[in-house]
Amino acid sequence: VLGFALQGSPALQQQVLDSALAQFPVIG
């Protein structure tokens, strides 16, 4: 979904993903 929605904003894509992966700290 991030690849579709934020295809032109890799920095924002990475920030959103890092925030989501904070819910899974062992593999984030």
mmCIF file of all heavy atoms, coordinates in Angstrom:
data_MODEL
# 
_entry.id   MODEL 
# 
loop_
_atom_site.group_PDB 
_atom_site.id 
_atom_site.type_symbol 
_atom_site.label_atom_id 
_atom_site.label_alt_id 
_atom_site.label_comp_id 
_atom_site.label_asym_id 
_atom_site.label_entity_id 
_atom_site.label_seq_id 
_atom_site.pdbx_PDB_ins_code 
_atom_site.Cartn_x 
_atom_site.Cartn_y 
_atom_site.Cartn_z 
_atom_site.occupancy 
_atom_site.B_iso_or_equiv 
_atom_site.pdbx_formal_charge 
_atom_site.auth_seq_id 
_atom_site.auth_comp_id 
_atom_site.auth_asym_id 
_atom_site.auth_atom_id 
_atom_site.pdbx_PDB_model_num 
ATOM 1   N N   . VAL A 1 1  ? 0.844  -1.208 0.000  1.00 0.00 ? 1  VAL A N   1 
ATOM 2   C CA  . VAL A 1 1  ? 0.000  0.000  0.000  1.00 0.00 ? 1  VAL A CA  1 
ATOM 3   C C   . VAL A 1 1  ? 0.870  1.245  0.000  1.00 0.00 ? 1  VAL A C   1 
ATOM 4   O O   . VAL A 1 1  ? 0.584  2.221  -0.711 1.00 0.00 ? 1  VAL A O   1 
ATOM 5   C CB  . VAL A 1 1  ? -0.947 -0.031 1.217  1.00 0.00 ? 1  VAL A CB  1 
ATOM 6   C CG1 . VAL A 1 1  ? -1.657 1.314  1.373  1.00 0.00 ? 1  VAL A CG1 1 
ATOM 7   C CG2 . VAL A 1 1  ? -1.977 -1.141 1.069  1.00 0.00 ? 1  VAL A CG2 1 
ATOM 8   N N   . LEU A 1 2  ? 1.937  1.232  0.801  1.00 0.00 ? 2  LEU A N   1 
ATOM 9   C CA  . LEU A 1 2  ? 2.849  2.377  0.805  1.00 0.00 ? 2  LEU A CA  1 
ATOM 10  C C   . LEU A 1 2  ? 3.502  2.562  -0.565 1.00 0.00 ? 2  LEU A C   1 
ATOM 11  O O   . LEU A 1 2  ? 3.731  3.695  -1.001 1.00 0.00 ? 2  LEU A O   1 
ATOM 12  C CB  . LEU A 1 2  ? 3.926  2.185  1.876  1.00 0.00 ? 2  LEU A CB  1 
ATOM 13  C CG  . LEU A 1 2  ? 3.474  2.289  3.341  1.00 0.00 ? 2  LEU A CG  1 
ATOM 14  C CD1 . LEU A 1 2  ? 4.637  2.001  4.271  1.00 0.00 ? 2  LEU A CD1 1 
ATOM 15  C CD2 . LEU A 1 2  ? 2.884  3.657  3.629  1.00 0.00 ? 2  LEU A CD2 1 
ATOM 16  N N   . GLY A 1 3  ? 3.796  1.432  -1.225 1.00 0.00 ? 3  GLY A N   1 
ATOM 17  C CA  . GLY A 1 3  ? 4.398  1.537  -2.543 1.00 0.00 ? 3  GLY A CA  1 
ATOM 18  C C   . GLY A 1 3  ? 3.477  2.207  -3.548 1.00 0.00 ? 3  GLY A C   1 
ATOM 19  O O   . GLY A 1 3  ? 3.934  2.927  -4.441 1.00 0.00 ? 3  GLY A O   1 
ATOM 20  N N   . PHE A 1 4  ? 2.153  1.966  -3.410 1.00 0.00 ? 4  PHE A N   1 
ATOM 21  C CA  . PHE A 1 4  ? 1.188  2.626  -4.287 1.00 0.00 ? 4  PHE A CA  1 
ATOM 22  C C   . PHE A 1 4  ? 0.959  4.087  -3.888 1.00 0.00 ? 4  PHE A C   1 
ATOM 23  O O   . PHE A 1 4  ? 0.983  4.993  -4.719 1.00 0.00 ? 4  PHE A O   1 
ATOM 24  C CB  . PHE A 1 4  ? -0.152 1.880  -4.244 1.00 0.00 ? 4  PHE A CB  1 
ATOM 25  C CG  . PHE A 1 4  ? -0.195 0.657  -5.117 1.00 0.00 ? 4  PHE A CG  1 
ATOM 26  C CD1 . PHE A 1 4  ? -0.433 -0.594 -4.575 1.00 0.00 ? 4  PHE A CD1 1 
ATOM 27  C CD2 . PHE A 1 4  ? 0.005  0.745  -6.490 1.00 0.00 ? 4  PHE A CD2 1 
ATOM 28  C CE1 . PHE A 1 4  ? -0.473 -1.723 -5.357 1.00 0.00 ? 4  PHE A CE1 1 
ATOM 29  C CE2 . PHE A 1 4  ? -0.030 -0.378 -7.292 1.00 0.00 ? 4  PHE A CE2 1 
ATOM 30  C CZ  . PHE A 1 4  ? -0.273 -1.627 -6.725 1.00 0.00 ? 4  PHE A CZ  1 
ATOM 31  N N   . ALA A 1 5  ? 0.720  4.299  -2.592 1.00 0.00 ? 5  ALA A N   1 
ATOM 32  C CA  . ALA A 1 5  ? 0.272  5.620  -2.137 1.00 0.00 ? 5  ALA A CA  1 
ATOM 33  C C   . ALA A 1 5  ? 1.401  6.646  -2.083 1.00 0.00 ? 5  ALA A C   1 
ATOM 34  O O   . ALA A 1 5  ? 1.169  7.833  -2.338 1.00 0.00 ? 5  ALA A O   1 
ATOM 35  C CB  . ALA A 1 5  ? -0.386 5.493  -0.756 1.00 0.00 ? 5  ALA A CB  1 
ATOM 36  N N   . LEU A 1 6  ? 2.610  6.200  -1.742 1.00 0.00 ? 6  LEU A N   1 
ATOM 37  C CA  . LEU A 1 6  ? 3.711  7.142  -1.545 1.00 0.00 ? 6  LEU A CA  1 
ATOM 38  C C   . LEU A 1 6  ? 4.877  6.831  -2.478 1.00 0.00 ? 6  LEU A C   1 
ATOM 39  O O   . LEU A 1 6  ? 6.037  6.931  -2.097 1.00 0.00 ? 6  LEU A O   1 
ATOM 40  C CB  . LEU A 1 6  ? 4.185  7.086  -0.083 1.00 0.00 ? 6  LEU A CB  1 
ATOM 41  C CG  . LEU A 1 6  ? 3.128  7.388  0.983  1.00 0.00 ? 6  LEU A CG  1 
ATOM 42  C CD1 . LEU A 1 6  ? 3.712  7.210  2.384  1.00 0.00 ? 6  LEU A CD1 1 
ATOM 43  C CD2 . LEU A 1 6  ? 2.577  8.803  0.814  1.00 0.00 ? 6  LEU A CD2 1 
ATOM 44  N N   . GLN A 1 7  ? 4.548  6.459  -3.695 1.00 0.00 ? 7  GLN A N   1 
ATOM 45  C CA  . GLN A 1 7  ? 5.588  6.064  -4.639 1.00 0.00 ? 7  GLN A CA  1 
ATOM 46  C C   . GLN A 1 7  ? 6.570  7.188  -4.919 1.00 0.00 ? 7  GLN A C   1 
ATOM 47  O O   . GLN A 1 7  ? 7.756  6.961  -5.125 1.00 0.00 ? 7  GLN A O   1 
ATOM 48  C CB  . GLN A 1 7  ? 4.942  5.595  -5.939 1.00 0.00 ? 7  GLN A CB  1 
ATOM 49  C CG  . GLN A 1 7  ? 5.926  4.946  -6.912 1.00 0.00 ? 7  GLN A CG  1 
ATOM 50  C CD  . GLN A 1 7  ? 5.202  4.315  -8.087 1.00 0.00 ? 7  GLN A CD  1 
ATOM 51  O OE1 . GLN A 1 7  ? 3.988  4.448  -8.229 1.00 0.00 ? 7  GLN A OE1 1 
ATOM 52  N NE2 . GLN A 1 7  ? 5.938  3.604  -8.923 1.00 0.00 ? 7  GLN A NE2 1 
ATOM 53  N N   . GLY A 1 8  ? 6.097  8.411  -4.916 1.00 0.00 ? 8  GLY A N   1 
ATOM 54  C CA  . GLY A 1 8  ? 6.969  9.545  -5.211 1.00 0.00 ? 8  GLY A CA  1 
ATOM 55  C C   . GLY A 1 8  ? 7.620  10.155 -3.991 1.00 0.00 ? 8  GLY A C   1 
ATOM 56  O O   . GLY A 1 8  ? 8.339  11.151 -4.124 1.00 0.00 ? 8  GLY A O   1 
ATOM 57  N N   . SER A 1 9  ? 7.397  9.597  -2.810 1.00 0.00 ? 9  SER A N   1 
ATOM 58  C CA  . SER A 1 9  ? 7.958  10.161 -1.577 1.00 0.00 ? 9  SER A CA  1 
ATOM 59  C C   . SER A 1 9  ? 8.631  9.052  -0.763 1.00 0.00 ? 9  SER A C   1 
ATOM 60  O O   . SER A 1 9  ? 8.065  8.579  0.236  1.00 0.00 ? 9  SER A O   1 
ATOM 61  C CB  . SER A 1 9  ? 6.862  10.839 -0.749 1.00 0.00 ? 9  SER A CB  1 
ATOM 62  O OG  . SER A 1 9  ? 6.193  11.832 -1.501 1.00 0.00 ? 9  SER A OG  1 
ATOM 63  N N   . PRO A 1 10 ? 9.801  8.619  -1.171 1.00 0.00 ? 10 PRO A N   1 
ATOM 64  C CA  . PRO A 1 10 ? 10.465 7.521  -0.450 1.00 0.00 ? 10 PRO A CA  1 
ATOM 65  C C   . PRO A 1 10 ? 10.790 7.855  1.002  1.00 0.00 ? 10 PRO A C   1 
ATOM 66  O O   . PRO A 1 10 ? 10.739 6.986  1.868  1.00 0.00 ? 10 PRO A O   1 
ATOM 67  C CB  . PRO A 1 10 ? 11.732 7.275  -1.272 1.00 0.00 ? 10 PRO A CB  1 
ATOM 68  C CG  . PRO A 1 10 ? 11.952 8.528  -2.062 1.00 0.00 ? 10 PRO A CG  1 
ATOM 69  C CD  . PRO A 1 10 ? 10.593 9.087  -2.338 1.00 0.00 ? 10 PRO A CD  1 
ATOM 70  N N   . ALA A 1 11 ? 11.109 9.112  1.288  1.00 0.00 ? 11 ALA A N   1 
ATOM 71  C CA  . ALA A 1 11 ? 11.431 9.492  2.666  1.00 0.00 ? 11 ALA A CA  1 
ATOM 72  C C   . ALA A 1 11 ? 10.202 9.356  3.566  1.00 0.00 ? 11 ALA A C   1 
ATOM 73  O O   . ALA A 1 11 ? 10.274 8.830  4.685  1.00 0.00 ? 11 ALA A O   1 
ATOM 74  C CB  . ALA A 1 11 ? 11.972 10.913 2.711  1.00 0.00 ? 11 ALA A CB  1 
ATOM 75  N N   . LEU A 1 12 ? 9.068  9.854  3.068  1.00 0.00 ? 12 LEU A N   1 
ATOM 76  C CA  . LEU A 1 12 ? 7.834  9.739  3.839  1.00 0.00 ? 12 LEU A CA  1 
ATOM 77  C C   . LEU A 1 12 ? 7.404  8.283  3.959  1.00 0.00 ? 12 LEU A C   1 
ATOM 78  O O   . LEU A 1 12 ? 6.898  7.842  5.003  1.00 0.00 ? 12 LEU A O   1 
ATOM 79  C CB  . LEU A 1 12 ? 6.725  10.559 3.168  1.00 0.00 ? 12 LEU A CB  1 
ATOM 80  C CG  . LEU A 1 12 ? 5.367  10.588 3.875  1.00 0.00 ? 12 LEU A CG  1 
ATOM 81  C CD1 . LEU A 1 12 ? 5.503  11.134 5.289  1.00 0.00 ? 12 LEU A CD1 1 
ATOM 82  C CD2 . LEU A 1 12 ? 4.356  11.407 3.070  1.00 0.00 ? 12 LEU A CD2 1 
ATOM 83  N N   . GLN A 1 13 ? 7.613  7.509  2.909  1.00 0.00 ? 13 GLN A N   1 
ATOM 84  C CA  . GLN A 1 13 ? 7.306  6.077  2.936  1.00 0.00 ? 13 GLN A CA  1 
ATOM 85  C C   . GLN A 1 13 ? 8.090  5.375  4.037  1.00 0.00 ? 13 GLN A C   1 
ATOM 86  O O   . GLN A 1 13 ? 7.548  4.582  4.812  1.00 0.00 ? 13 GLN A O   1 
ATOM 87  C CB  . GLN A 1 13 ? 7.620  5.459  1.575  1.00 0.00 ? 13 GLN A CB  1 
ATOM 88  C CG  . GLN A 1 13 ? 7.266  3.987  1.438  1.00 0.00 ? 13 GLN A CG  1 
ATOM 89  C CD  . GLN A 1 13 ? 7.751  3.418  0.113  1.00 0.00 ? 13 GLN A CD  1 
ATOM 90  O OE1 . GLN A 1 13 ? 8.948  3.175  -0.043 1.00 0.00 ? 13 GLN A OE1 1 
ATOM 91  N NE2 . GLN A 1 13 ? 6.841  3.231  -0.820 1.00 0.00 ? 13 GLN A NE2 1 
ATOM 92  N N   . GLN A 1 14 ? 9.400  5.713  4.119  1.00 0.00 ? 14 GLN A N   1 
ATOM 93  C CA  . GLN A 1 14 ? 10.248 5.106  5.141  1.00 0.00 ? 14 GLN A CA  1 
ATOM 94  C C   . GLN A 1 14 ? 9.815  5.521  6.545  1.00 0.00 ? 14 GLN A C   1 
ATOM 95  O O   . GLN A 1 14 ? 9.808  4.708  7.476  1.00 0.00 ? 14 GLN A O   1 
ATOM 96  C CB  . GLN A 1 14 ? 11.705 5.504  4.908  1.00 0.00 ? 14 GLN A CB  1 
ATOM 97  C CG  . GLN A 1 14 ? 12.699 4.803  5.825  1.00 0.00 ? 14 GLN A CG  1 
ATOM 98  C CD  . GLN A 1 14 ? 12.815 3.323  5.535  1.00 0.00 ? 14 GLN A CD  1 
ATOM 99  O OE1 . GLN A 1 14 ? 12.903 2.933  4.381  1.00 0.00 ? 14 GLN A OE1 1 
ATOM 100 N NE2 . GLN A 1 14 ? 12.810 2.515  6.583  1.00 0.00 ? 14 GLN A NE2 1 
ATOM 101 N N   . GLN A 1 15 ? 9.422  6.774  6.709  1.00 0.00 ? 15 GLN A N   1 
ATOM 102 C CA  . GLN A 1 15 ? 9.006  7.260  8.015  1.00 0.00 ? 15 GLN A CA  1 
ATOM 103 C C   . GLN A 1 15 ? 7.731  6.561  8.496  1.00 0.00 ? 15 GLN A C   1 
ATOM 104 O O   . GLN A 1 15 ? 7.625  6.151  9.651  1.00 0.00 ? 15 GLN A O   1 
ATOM 105 C CB  . GLN A 1 15 ? 8.779  8.774  7.964  1.00 0.00 ? 15 GLN A CB  1 
ATOM 106 C CG  . GLN A 1 15 ? 8.394  9.378  9.303  1.00 0.00 ? 15 GLN A CG  1 
ATOM 107 C CD  . GLN A 1 15 ? 8.196  10.884 9.222  1.00 0.00 ? 15 GLN A CD  1 
ATOM 108 O OE1 . GLN A 1 15 ? 8.398  11.492 8.170  1.00 0.00 ? 15 GLN A OE1 1 
ATOM 109 N NE2 . GLN A 1 15 ? 7.794  11.493 10.327 1.00 0.00 ? 15 GLN A NE2 1 
ATOM 110 N N   . VAL A 1 16 ? 6.766  6.420  7.591  1.00 0.00 ? 16 VAL A N   1 
ATOM 111 C CA  . VAL A 1 16 ? 5.522  5.750  7.961  1.00 0.00 ? 16 VAL A CA  1 
ATOM 112 C C   . VAL A 1 16 ? 5.781  4.280  8.297  1.00 0.00 ? 16 VAL A C   1 
ATOM 113 O O   . VAL A 1 16 ? 5.249  3.735  9.263  1.00 0.00 ? 16 VAL A O   1 
ATOM 114 C CB  . VAL A 1 16 ? 4.483  5.876  6.823  1.00 0.00 ? 16 VAL A CB  1 
ATOM 115 C CG1 . VAL A 1 16 ? 3.243  5.037  7.133  1.00 0.00 ? 16 VAL A CG1 1 
ATOM 116 C CG2 . VAL A 1 16 ? 4.101  7.330  6.622  1.00 0.00 ? 16 VAL A CG2 1 
ATOM 117 N N   . LEU A 1 17 ? 6.632  3.633  7.498  1.00 0.00 ? 17 LEU A N   1 
ATOM 118 C CA  . LEU A 1 17 ? 6.924  2.221  7.749  1.00 0.00 ? 17 LEU A CA  1 
ATOM 119 C C   . LEU A 1 17 ? 7.644  2.041  9.083  1.00 0.00 ? 17 LEU A C   1 
ATOM 120 O O   . LEU A 1 17 ? 7.339  1.127  9.848  1.00 0.00 ? 17 LEU A O   1 
ATOM 121 C CB  . LEU A 1 17 ? 7.775  1.661  6.609  1.00 0.00 ? 17 LEU A CB  1 
ATOM 122 C CG  . LEU A 1 17 ? 8.080  0.162  6.717  1.00 0.00 ? 17 LEU A CG  1 
ATOM 123 C CD1 . LEU A 1 17 ? 6.814  -0.659 6.571  1.00 0.00 ? 17 LEU A CD1 1 
ATOM 124 C CD2 . LEU A 1 17 ? 9.113  -0.251 5.688  1.00 0.00 ? 17 LEU A CD2 1 
ATOM 125 N N   . ASP A 1 18 ? 8.603  2.923  9.372  1.00 0.00 ? 18 ASP A N   1 
ATOM 126 C CA  . ASP A 1 18 ? 9.317  2.830  10.649 1.00 0.00 ? 18 ASP A CA  1 
ATOM 127 C C   . ASP A 1 18 ? 8.358  2.997  11.823 1.00 0.00 ? 18 ASP A C   1 
ATOM 128 O O   . ASP A 1 18 ? 8.494  2.325  12.850 1.00 0.00 ? 18 ASP A O   1 
ATOM 129 C CB  . ASP A 1 18 ? 10.411 3.888  10.717 1.00 0.00 ? 18 ASP A CB  1 
ATOM 130 C CG  . ASP A 1 18 ? 11.573 3.582  9.780  1.00 0.00 ? 18 ASP A CG  1 
ATOM 131 O OD1 . ASP A 1 18 ? 11.682 2.414  9.348  1.00 0.00 ? 18 ASP A OD1 1 
ATOM 132 O OD2 . ASP A 1 18 ? 12.346 4.504  9.470  1.00 0.00 ? 18 ASP A OD2 1 
ATOM 133 N N   . SER A 1 19 ? 7.394  3.876  11.678 1.00 0.00 ? 19 SER A N   1 
ATOM 134 C CA  . SER A 1 19 ? 6.411  4.077  12.744 1.00 0.00 ? 19 SER A CA  1 
ATOM 135 C C   . SER A 1 19 ? 5.556  2.834  12.934 1.00 0.00 ? 19 SER A C   1 
ATOM 136 O O   . SER A 1 19 ? 5.242  2.435  14.062 1.00 0.00 ? 19 SER A O   1 
ATOM 137 C CB  . SER A 1 19 ? 5.515  5.285  12.417 1.00 0.00 ? 19 SER A CB  1 
ATOM 138 O OG  . SER A 1 19 ? 6.290  6.460  12.305 1.00 0.00 ? 19 SER A OG  1 
ATOM 139 N N   . ALA A 1 20 ? 5.174  2.211  11.816 1.00 0.00 ? 20 ALA A N   1 
ATOM 140 C CA  . ALA A 1 20 ? 4.369  0.994  11.921 1.00 0.00 ? 20 ALA A CA  1 
ATOM 141 C C   . ALA A 1 20 ? 5.175  -0.152 12.512 1.00 0.00 ? 20 ALA A C   1 
ATOM 142 O O   . ALA A 1 20 ? 4.687  -0.917 13.347 1.00 0.00 ? 20 ALA A O   1 
ATOM 143 C CB  . ALA A 1 20 ? 3.830  0.605  10.539 1.00 0.00 ? 20 ALA A CB  1 
ATOM 144 N N   . LEU A 1 21 ? 6.440  -0.273 12.089 1.00 0.00 ? 21 LEU A N   1 
ATOM 145 C CA  . LEU A 1 21 ? 7.275  -1.369 12.580 1.00 0.00 ? 21 LEU A CA  1 
ATOM 146 C C   . LEU A 1 21 ? 7.668  -1.196 14.040 1.00 0.00 ? 21 LEU A C   1 
ATOM 147 O O   . LEU A 1 21 ? 8.162  -2.137 14.664 1.00 0.00 ? 21 LEU A O   1 
ATOM 148 C CB  . LEU A 1 21 ? 8.531  -1.491 11.718 1.00 0.00 ? 21 LEU A CB  1 
ATOM 149 C CG  . LEU A 1 21 ? 8.295  -1.941 10.272 1.00 0.00 ? 21 LEU A CG  1 
ATOM 150 C CD1 . LEU A 1 21 ? 9.593  -1.948 9.498  1.00 0.00 ? 21 LEU A CD1 1 
ATOM 151 C CD2 . LEU A 1 21 ? 7.638  -3.307 10.241 1.00 0.00 ? 21 LEU A CD2 1 
ATOM 152 N N   . ALA A 1 22 ? 7.456  -0.011 14.583 1.00 0.00 ? 22 ALA A N   1 
ATOM 153 C CA  . ALA A 1 22 ? 7.704  0.176  16.012 1.00 0.00 ? 22 ALA A CA  1 
ATOM 154 C C   . ALA A 1 22 ? 6.768  -0.684 16.848 1.00 0.00 ? 22 ALA A C   1 
ATOM 155 O O   . ALA A 1 22 ? 7.047  -0.963 18.011 1.00 0.00 ? 22 ALA A O   1 
ATOM 156 C CB  . ALA A 1 22 ? 7.541  1.647  16.383 1.00 0.00 ? 22 ALA A CB  1 
ATOM 157 N N   . GLN A 1 23 ? 5.619  -1.096 16.275 1.00 0.00 ? 23 GLN A N   1 
ATOM 158 C CA  . GLN A 1 23 ? 4.705  -1.996 16.976 1.00 0.00 ? 23 GLN A CA  1 
ATOM 159 C C   . GLN A 1 23 ? 5.259  -3.412 17.039 1.00 0.00 ? 23 GLN A C   1 
ATOM 160 O O   . GLN A 1 23 ? 4.789  -4.228 17.829 1.00 0.00 ? 23 GLN A O   1 
ATOM 161 C CB  . GLN A 1 23 ? 3.337  -2.028 16.259 1.00 0.00 ? 23 GLN A CB  1 
ATOM 162 C CG  . GLN A 1 23 ? 2.733  -0.651 16.021 1.00 0.00 ? 23 GLN A CG  1 
ATOM 163 C CD  . GLN A 1 23 ? 2.547  0.125  17.306 1.00 0.00 ? 23 GLN A CD  1 
ATOM 164 O OE1 . GLN A 1 23 ? 2.059  -0.423 18.293 1.00 0.00 ? 23 GLN A OE1 1 
ATOM 165 N NE2 . GLN A 1 23 ? 2.962  1.381  17.303 1.00 0.00 ? 23 GLN A NE2 1 
ATOM 166 N N   . PHE A 1 24 ? 6.267  -3.704 16.207 1.00 0.00 ? 24 PHE A N   1 
ATOM 167 C CA  . PHE A 1 24 ? 6.903  -5.022 16.188 1.00 0.00 ? 24 PHE A CA  1 
ATOM 168 C C   . PHE A 1 24 ? 8.401  -4.820 16.377 1.00 0.00 ? 24 PHE A C   1 
ATOM 169 O O   . PHE A 1 24 ? 9.175  -4.946 15.437 1.00 0.00 ? 24 PHE A O   1 
ATOM 170 C CB  . PHE A 1 24 ? 6.629  -5.739 14.860 1.00 0.00 ? 24 PHE A CB  1 
ATOM 171 C CG  . PHE A 1 24 ? 5.194  -5.692 14.447 1.00 0.00 ? 24 PHE A CG  1 
ATOM 172 C CD1 . PHE A 1 24 ? 4.761  -4.830 13.458 1.00 0.00 ? 24 PHE A CD1 1 
ATOM 173 C CD2 . PHE A 1 24 ? 4.249  -6.497 15.065 1.00 0.00 ? 24 PHE A CD2 1 
ATOM 174 C CE1 . PHE A 1 24 ? 3.436  -4.785 13.080 1.00 0.00 ? 24 PHE A CE1 1 
ATOM 175 C CE2 . PHE A 1 24 ? 2.929  -6.451 14.701 1.00 0.00 ? 24 PHE A CE2 1 
ATOM 176 C CZ  . PHE A 1 24 ? 2.510  -5.594 13.707 1.00 0.00 ? 24 PHE A CZ  1 
ATOM 177 N N   . PRO A 1 25 ? 8.821  -4.504 17.605 1.00 0.00 ? 25 PRO A N   1 
ATOM 178 C CA  . PRO A 1 25 ? 10.197 -4.051 17.805 1.00 0.00 ? 25 PRO A CA  1 
ATOM 179 C C   . PRO A 1 25 ? 11.260 -5.074 17.476 1.00 0.00 ? 25 PRO A C   1 
ATOM 180 O O   . PRO A 1 25 ? 12.371 -4.724 17.136 1.00 0.00 ? 25 PRO A O   1 
ATOM 181 C CB  . PRO A 1 25 ? 10.224 -3.707 19.306 1.00 0.00 ? 25 PRO A CB  1 
ATOM 182 C CG  . PRO A 1 25 ? 9.100  -4.499 19.894 1.00 0.00 ? 25 PRO A CG  1 
ATOM 183 C CD  . PRO A 1 25 ? 8.050  -4.561 18.830 1.00 0.00 ? 25 PRO A CD  1 
ATOM 184 N N   . VAL A 1 26 ? 10.963 -6.355 17.555 1.00 0.00 ? 26 VAL A N   1 
ATOM 185 C CA  . VAL A 1 26 ? 11.997 -7.359 17.350 1.00 0.00 ? 26 VAL A CA  1 
ATOM 186 C C   . VAL A 1 26 ? 12.435 -7.432 15.893 1.00 0.00 ? 26 VAL A C   1 
ATOM 187 O O   . VAL A 1 26 ? 13.585 -7.710 15.590 1.00 0.00 ? 26 VAL A O   1 
ATOM 188 C CB  . VAL A 1 26 ? 11.497 -8.737 17.833 1.00 0.00 ? 26 VAL A CB  1 
ATOM 189 C CG1 . VAL A 1 26 ? 12.528 -9.813 17.571 1.00 0.00 ? 26 VAL A CG1 1 
ATOM 190 C CG2 . VAL A 1 26 ? 11.168 -8.680 19.314 1.00 0.00 ? 26 VAL A CG2 1 
ATOM 191 N N   . ILE A 1 27 ? 11.520 -7.165 14.965 1.00 0.00 ? 27 ILE A N   1 
ATOM 192 C CA  . ILE A 1 27 ? 11.863 -7.313 13.551 1.00 0.00 ? 27 ILE A CA  1 
ATOM 193 C C   . ILE A 1 27 ? 11.857 -5.985 12.805 1.00 0.00 ? 27 ILE A C   1 
ATOM 194 O O   . ILE A 1 27 ? 12.131 -5.950 11.620 1.00 0.00 ? 27 ILE A O   1 
ATOM 195 C CB  . ILE A 1 27 ? 10.866 -8.262 12.853 1.00 0.00 ? 27 ILE A CB  1 
ATOM 196 C CG1 . ILE A 1 27 ? 9.448  -7.696 12.934 1.00 0.00 ? 27 ILE A CG1 1 
ATOM 197 C CG2 . ILE A 1 27 ? 10.936 -9.651 13.427 1.00 0.00 ? 27 ILE A CG2 1 
ATOM 198 C CD1 . ILE A 1 27 ? 8.476  -8.378 12.040 1.00 0.00 ? 27 ILE A CD1 1 
ATOM 199 N N   . GLY A 1 28 ? 11.553 -4.901 13.482 1.00 0.00 ? 28 GLY A N   1 
ATOM 200 C CA  . GLY A 1 28 ? 11.388 -3.625 12.797 1.00 0.00 ? 28 GLY A CA  1 
ATOM 201 C C   . GLY A 1 28 ? 12.603 -3.192 12.011 1.00 0.00 ? 28 GLY A C   1 
ATOM 202 O O   . GLY A 1 28 ? 12.517 -2.827 10.842 1.00 0.00 ? 28 GLY A O   1 
# 
